[in-house]
Amino acid sequence: MNYDIFNGDADGIIALLQLRLANPIESELVTGVKRDIDLLTKLTRNVKLVKGDKLTILDISMKKNQAGLMKALNDGISVFYADHHITGEIPVSKHLSAHIDLDANICTALIVDKLLNRKYHHWAITAAYGDNLIGVADNLSKVAGLTLEQARFLNELGTLINYNGYGSDITDLHYHPAELFAELLKYESPFDVIAESNSPFYKLQDAYQTDMTQVESISPMYQADKLFIIELPDEDWSRRISGVYCNALANKNPHAAHVVLTKNNDGLSYTVSLRAPLSNKFGAGDICSQFDTGGGRAAAAGINTLPIDKIQQLINVIEATY
């Protein structure tokens, strides 16, 4: 049995998309909302893997899945792992093929793009835009000879795919990430997506524009020279828009860190999206890892459940970092 285990955001979906366009196989898709990152550990806990099974793992932190990874490797399971998040110790095993790059200007889809000799390069650029590597993606678009209009489209498509991954659970999303992956797999090129009127692009475009109108009247909860914080209510649109809205804020003011706090339905905590200053892309993952349920990478990170009384502590840590 083949298992494709991937983050439900643009980077995870498009990393797998490239691999399966290049090498179509039947596989069990294991994914979830963007913040559902212990996918491998959950799989090994619930499924009895046997020799001959193969795991392809994309865009989920090795550190957060160490238990599941070690169990699979000790059972002799073949594992292909590509990622750009904090790893912890990378196991040494003949069963593991690890392709890890922690550079703040790299995403998993770009790692796969390199492995495939740029075969689906336009898809990889789309993922870079979706992962908010705007400068990187703009440069790749220019080198690839794309027009400004073509680059703009890839930027919008990547953003929409990423937008679909945010939510507290699958019911918040417009597409289950496995469904969205299957829909996009029909298209050899991202430019084919816009040519088809019933493609996921148009449904997500309408939904994104509707959700974004909700935040226009919200004032900052906290604002300083190097930190900008927005608080969103406990609503499904808030959970969907939180990550891409945080990206948008970061792009408008590249010299400040940005935080979007979304109230959880327990009334006692927030879900946190943090973006490091784009002019100084480091530390976000380290900051969030100091809090329970937190983690991420150098430029972008989050905390699933931050108690309200920890907000000032978060502010202090961010301002001490930047």
Protein backbone atom coordinates (compact mmCIF):
# COMPACT_ATOMS: atom_id res chain seq x y z
CA MET A 1 0.00 0.00 0.00
CA ASN A 2 1.19 3.51 -0.84
CA TYR A 3 0.36 6.34 1.55
CA ASP A 4 0.68 9.98 0.50
CA ILE A 5 0.84 12.08 3.68
CA PHE A 6 0.77 15.83 3.07
CA ASN A 7 -0.08 19.18 4.58
CA GLY A 8 -3.46 20.50 3.43
CA ASP A 9 -2.07 23.88 2.34
CA ALA A 10 -0.79 25.04 -1.06
CA ASP A 11 2.76 23.83 -0.45
CA GLY A 12 1.78 20.33 0.65
CA ILE A 13 -0.85 19.85 -2.04
CA ILE A 14 1.35 21.12 -4.87
CA ALA A 15 4.41 19.20 -3.70
CA LEU A 16 2.37 16.00 -4.00
CA LEU A 17 0.76 17.18 -7.23
CA GLN A 18 4.15 17.42 -8.92
CA LEU A 19 5.17 13.96 -7.73
CA ARG A 20 1.95 12.32 -8.89
CA LEU A 21 1.93 14.07 -12.26
CA ALA A 22 5.44 12.69 -12.75
CA ASN A 23 4.70 9.27 -11.23
CA PRO A 24 0.99 8.38 -11.08
CA ILE A 25 0.24 5.67 -8.52
CA GLU A 26 -2.72 4.50 -6.49
CA SER A 27 -2.34 5.68 -2.92
CA GLU A 28 -4.20 6.39 0.29
CA LEU A 29 -4.32 10.15 0.85
CA VAL A 30 -3.65 11.28 4.42
CA THR A 31 -4.14 14.99 5.04
CA GLY A 32 -6.20 17.54 6.94
CA VAL A 33 -6.43 21.23 7.76
CA LYS A 34 -3.20 23.17 7.58
CA ARG A 35 -2.57 22.99 11.33
CA ASP A 36 -3.11 19.22 11.46
CA ILE A 37 0.57 18.37 11.28
CA ASP A 38 1.02 15.16 13.30
CA LEU A 39 -0.42 13.18 10.39
CA LEU A 40 2.27 10.48 10.32
CA THR A 41 2.05 9.76 14.03
CA LYS A 42 -1.75 9.48 13.75
CA LEU A 43 -1.41 7.09 10.81
CA THR A 44 1.06 4.79 12.55
CA ARG A 45 -1.13 4.82 15.65
CA ASN A 46 -4.27 3.81 13.75
CA VAL A 47 -3.01 1.69 10.85
CA LYS A 48 -0.88 -1.44 10.92
CA LEU A 49 1.83 -0.82 8.35
CA VAL A 50 3.52 -3.86 6.84
CA LYS A 51 6.72 -4.41 4.89
CA GLY A 52 6.18 -3.36 1.31
CA ASP A 53 4.16 -0.32 2.30
CA LYS A 54 5.61 3.00 1.12
CA LEU A 55 5.14 6.41 2.70
CA THR A 56 5.53 9.73 0.90
CA ILE A 57 5.55 12.55 3.48
CA LEU A 58 5.41 16.18 2.42
CA ASP A 59 5.42 19.52 4.20
CA ILE A 60 4.86 18.33 7.77
CA SER A 61 7.41 18.80 10.53
CA MET A 62 9.63 15.79 11.14
CA LYS A 63 10.08 16.99 14.71
CA LYS A 64 6.32 16.81 15.32
CA ASN A 65 6.17 13.31 13.76
CA GLN A 66 9.28 11.72 15.26
CA ALA A 67 7.32 8.97 17.03
CA GLY A 68 5.48 7.92 13.90
CA LEU A 69 8.58 8.15 11.72
CA MET A 70 10.68 6.00 14.06
CA LYS A 71 7.92 3.40 14.30
CA ALA A 72 7.64 3.19 10.51
CA LEU A 73 11.40 2.95 9.99
CA ASN A 74 11.82 0.35 12.75
CA ASP A 75 9.13 -1.71 11.02
CA GLY A 76 11.10 -1.58 7.77
CA ILE A 77 8.71 0.78 5.97
CA SER A 78 10.13 2.75 3.05
CA VAL A 79 9.80 6.51 3.65
CA PHE A 80 10.31 9.44 1.27
CA TYR A 81 10.31 12.68 3.28
CA ALA A 82 10.50 16.22 1.86
CA ASP A 83 10.00 19.27 4.08
CA HIS A 84 11.24 22.71 5.16
CA HIS A 85 10.12 22.80 8.81
CA ILE A 86 12.07 22.19 12.01
CA THR A 87 13.26 18.57 11.92
CA GLY A 88 14.69 17.63 15.26
CA GLU A 89 17.19 14.82 14.79
CA ILE A 90 16.97 13.23 11.36
CA PRO A 91 17.09 9.43 11.75
CA VAL A 92 19.79 7.48 9.97
CA SER A 93 18.07 4.57 8.23
CA LYS A 94 18.38 2.71 4.96
CA HIS A 95 14.59 2.97 4.73
CA LEU A 96 14.56 6.80 4.80
CA SER A 97 15.09 9.14 1.85
CA ALA A 98 15.09 12.60 3.42
CA HIS A 99 15.09 15.84 1.43
CA ILE A 100 15.11 18.65 3.99
CA ASP A 101 15.92 22.31 3.43
CA LEU A 102 15.33 24.79 6.27
CA ASP A 103 16.20 27.92 4.29
CA ALA A 104 13.56 30.62 4.91
CA ASN A 105 13.24 31.14 1.14
CA ILE A 106 12.44 27.51 0.33
CA CYS A 107 9.18 25.57 0.44
CA THR A 108 8.55 21.85 0.03
CA ALA A 109 7.20 22.21 -3.51
CA LEU A 110 10.47 23.89 -4.54
CA ILE A 111 12.41 20.97 -3.04
CA VAL A 112 10.31 18.58 -5.13
CA ASP A 113 10.68 20.88 -8.16
CA LYS A 114 14.45 20.48 -7.96
CA LEU A 115 14.19 16.70 -7.59
CA LEU A 116 12.03 16.56 -10.72
CA ASN A 117 14.38 18.79 -12.73
CA ARG A 118 11.76 21.56 -12.97
CA LYS A 119 9.34 19.33 -14.91
CA TYR A 120 6.28 21.05 -13.39
CA HIS A 121 7.99 24.33 -12.63
CA HIS A 122 4.91 26.52 -13.01
CA TRP A 123 3.16 24.49 -10.33
CA ALA A 124 6.17 24.95 -8.03
CA ILE A 125 6.06 28.72 -8.56
CA THR A 126 2.35 28.62 -7.68
CA ALA A 127 3.21 26.89 -4.40
CA ALA A 128 5.90 29.46 -3.61
CA TYR A 129 3.34 32.23 -4.04
CA GLY A 130 0.89 30.30 -1.86
CA ASP A 131 3.53 29.92 0.86
CA ASN A 132 4.02 33.71 0.75
CA LEU A 133 7.49 33.50 -0.77
CA ILE A 134 6.48 36.40 -3.00
CA GLY A 135 9.95 37.71 -3.81
CA VAL A 136 11.23 34.21 -4.55
CA ALA A 137 8.22 33.42 -6.75
CA ASP A 138 8.44 36.74 -8.59
CA ASN A 139 12.08 36.05 -9.41
CA LEU A 140 11.31 32.48 -10.53
CA SER A 141 8.48 33.79 -12.72
CA LYS A 142 10.82 36.32 -14.34
CA VAL A 143 13.53 33.71 -14.98
CA ALA A 144 10.90 31.36 -16.43
CA GLY A 145 9.86 34.05 -18.90
CA LEU A 146 6.36 34.54 -17.55
CA THR A 147 4.49 37.77 -18.17
CA LEU A 148 3.37 39.93 -15.26
CA GLU A 149 -0.21 38.78 -15.89
CA GLN A 150 0.81 35.12 -15.79
CA ALA A 151 2.73 35.68 -12.54
CA ARG A 152 -0.28 37.48 -11.08
CA PHE A 153 -2.49 34.51 -11.89
CA LEU A 154 -0.08 32.01 -10.28
CA ASN A 155 0.04 34.28 -7.23
CA GLU A 156 -3.74 34.33 -6.96
CA LEU A 157 -4.11 30.57 -7.50
CA GLY A 158 -1.45 29.77 -4.90
CA THR A 159 -3.08 32.12 -2.41
CA LEU A 160 -6.50 30.54 -2.97
CA ILE A 161 -5.21 26.99 -2.53
CA ASN A 162 -3.49 28.08 0.69
CA TYR A 163 -6.63 29.89 1.88
CA ASN A 164 -8.60 26.67 1.56
CA GLY A 165 -6.35 24.91 4.09
CA TYR A 166 -7.15 27.11 7.09
CA GLY A 167 -9.78 26.12 9.62
CA SER A 168 -10.19 24.49 13.01
CA ASP A 169 -11.53 21.37 11.31
CA ILE A 170 -12.51 20.13 7.86
CA THR A 171 -16.04 21.59 8.11
CA ASP A 172 -14.56 25.11 7.91
CA LEU A 173 -13.00 24.41 4.51
CA HIS A 174 -14.56 24.74 1.07
CA TYR A 175 -12.75 21.61 -0.15
CA HIS A 176 -11.29 18.73 1.81
CA PRO A 177 -7.56 19.00 0.93
CA ALA A 178 -7.60 15.47 -0.50
CA GLU A 179 -10.53 16.46 -2.73
CA LEU A 180 -8.79 19.66 -3.83
CA PHE A 181 -5.63 17.70 -4.63
CA ALA A 182 -7.66 15.24 -6.74
CA GLU A 183 -9.36 18.11 -8.58
CA LEU A 184 -6.07 19.87 -9.33
CA LEU A 185 -4.41 16.63 -10.46
CA LYS A 186 -6.54 16.89 -13.62
CA TYR A 187 -4.43 19.84 -14.76
CA GLU A 188 -0.95 19.42 -16.21
CA SER A 189 -0.32 23.13 -15.77
CA PRO A 190 -1.78 25.75 -13.42
CA PHE A 191 -2.64 27.80 -16.49
CA ASP A 192 -5.09 25.06 -17.48
CA VAL A 193 -7.04 25.73 -14.28
CA ILE A 194 -8.17 29.21 -15.32
CA ALA A 195 -9.23 27.96 -18.74
CA GLU A 196 -11.95 25.75 -17.24
CA SER A 197 -14.94 27.63 -15.88
CA ASN A 198 -15.89 24.96 -13.34
CA SER A 199 -12.39 24.54 -11.89
CA PRO A 200 -11.80 25.03 -8.14
CA PHE A 201 -10.19 28.40 -8.89
CA TYR A 202 -13.51 30.17 -9.40
CA LYS A 203 -15.28 28.75 -6.37
CA LEU A 204 -12.35 29.63 -4.12
CA GLN A 205 -11.99 33.06 -5.69
CA ASP A 206 -15.59 33.98 -4.86
CA ALA A 207 -15.32 32.57 -1.32
CA TYR A 208 -12.02 34.34 -0.63
CA GLN A 209 -13.34 37.71 -1.75
CA THR A 210 -16.42 37.28 0.46
CA ASP A 211 -14.35 36.37 3.52
CA MET A 212 -11.83 39.18 2.99
CA THR A 213 -14.58 41.82 3.05
CA GLN A 214 -15.26 40.80 6.67
CA VAL A 215 -11.91 42.07 7.93
CA GLU A 216 -11.90 45.49 6.31
CA SER A 217 -13.48 47.26 9.29
CA ILE A 218 -11.39 45.56 12.02
CA SER A 219 -8.90 47.82 13.83
CA PRO A 220 -5.58 46.60 15.25
CA MET A 221 -5.65 45.16 18.76
CA TYR A 222 -2.01 46.20 19.29
CA GLN A 223 0.37 48.26 17.18
CA ALA A 224 4.02 49.19 17.65
CA ASP A 225 6.99 49.93 15.41
CA LYS A 226 7.90 46.26 14.95
CA LEU A 227 4.66 44.44 15.79
CA PHE A 228 1.10 44.55 14.49
CA ILE A 229 -1.70 42.40 16.01
CA ILE A 230 -5.23 41.85 14.73
CA GLU A 231 -7.94 39.99 16.67
CA LEU A 232 -10.61 38.07 14.77
CA PRO A 233 -13.87 36.69 16.20
CA ASP A 234 -14.85 33.04 16.65
CA GLU A 235 -16.35 32.63 13.17
CA ASP A 236 -15.75 30.16 10.35
CA TRP A 237 -14.71 32.99 8.00
CA SER A 238 -12.14 34.14 10.58
CA ARG A 239 -10.56 30.70 10.74
CA ARG A 240 -10.44 30.46 6.93
CA ILE A 241 -8.92 33.89 6.38
CA SER A 242 -6.48 34.04 9.30
CA GLY A 243 -3.35 32.77 7.61
CA VAL A 244 -3.67 34.46 4.23
CA TYR A 245 -4.72 37.71 5.90
CA CYS A 246 -1.61 37.55 8.08
CA ASN A 247 0.43 37.07 4.89
CA ALA A 248 -1.27 40.07 3.30
CA LEU A 249 -0.48 42.26 6.31
CA ALA A 250 3.15 41.14 6.27
CA ASN A 251 3.48 42.00 2.60
CA LYS A 252 2.13 45.52 3.21
CA ASN A 253 4.64 46.25 5.99
CA PRO A 254 7.74 44.07 5.51
CA HIS A 255 9.67 45.58 8.44
CA ALA A 256 7.27 44.49 11.20
CA ALA A 257 6.15 41.18 12.64
CA HIS A 258 2.45 40.43 12.29
CA VAL A 259 0.08 38.36 14.41
CA VAL A 260 -3.50 37.37 13.74
CA LEU A 261 -5.35 36.09 16.82
CA THR A 262 -8.54 34.14 16.14
CA LYS A 263 -10.78 33.46 19.11
CA ASN A 264 -11.38 29.77 19.81
CA ASN A 265 -14.87 28.54 20.66
CA ASP A 266 -13.82 27.76 24.24
CA GLY A 267 -13.82 31.51 24.92
CA LEU A 268 -10.53 31.10 26.79
CA SER A 269 -7.90 30.95 24.07
CA TYR A 270 -6.78 32.01 20.60
CA THR A 271 -5.38 30.37 17.51
CA VAL A 272 -2.27 32.33 16.54
CA SER A 273 -0.74 33.06 13.13
CA LEU A 274 2.67 34.74 13.30
CA ARG A 275 4.74 36.12 10.42
CA ALA A 276 8.30 37.30 10.90
CA PRO A 277 9.21 40.62 9.25
CA LEU A 278 9.76 39.89 5.56
CA SER A 279 12.92 42.00 5.78
CA ASN A 280 14.21 39.76 8.59
CA LYS A 281 12.78 36.27 8.09
CA PHE A 282 13.87 34.35 11.17
CA GLY A 283 12.63 33.25 14.55
CA ALA A 284 8.89 32.71 14.04
CA GLY A 285 9.06 28.96 14.59
CA ASP A 286 11.32 29.36 17.62
CA ILE A 287 8.93 31.92 19.14
CA CYS A 288 5.83 29.76 18.72
CA SER A 289 7.65 26.63 19.90
CA GLN A 290 8.02 28.27 23.31
CA PHE A 291 4.27 27.82 23.80
CA ASP A 292 2.33 24.56 24.03
CA THR A 293 0.79 23.56 20.66
CA GLY A 294 3.13 25.99 18.85
CA GLY A 295 5.57 25.44 16.02
CA GLY A 296 6.45 26.35 12.45
CA ARG A 297 9.40 27.62 10.45
CA ALA A 298 11.65 30.66 10.41
CA ALA A 299 9.35 32.99 8.50
CA ALA A 300 5.90 31.75 9.49
CA ALA A 301 4.53 29.87 12.47
CA GLY A 302 1.50 29.43 14.68
CA ILE A 303 0.03 28.30 17.97
CA ASN A 304 -3.12 26.20 17.97
CA THR A 305 -4.27 27.10 21.49
CA LEU A 306 -2.86 30.14 23.28
CA PRO A 307 -4.60 31.02 26.59
CA ILE A 308 -5.77 34.62 26.75
CA ASP A 309 -3.54 35.30 29.76
CA LYS A 310 -0.47 34.40 27.63
CA ILE A 311 -0.98 37.20 25.10
CA GLN A 312 1.31 39.65 26.87
CA GLN A 313 3.99 36.96 27.16
CA LEU A 314 3.75 36.39 23.40
CA ILE A 315 4.06 40.12 22.76
CA ASN A 316 7.12 40.32 25.01
CA VAL A 317 8.84 37.41 23.26
CA ILE A 318 8.15 38.79 19.78
CA GLU A 319 9.37 42.27 20.63
CA ALA A 320 12.48 40.90 22.30
CA THR A 321 13.22 38.90 19.12
CA TYR A 322 12.76 41.65 16.56
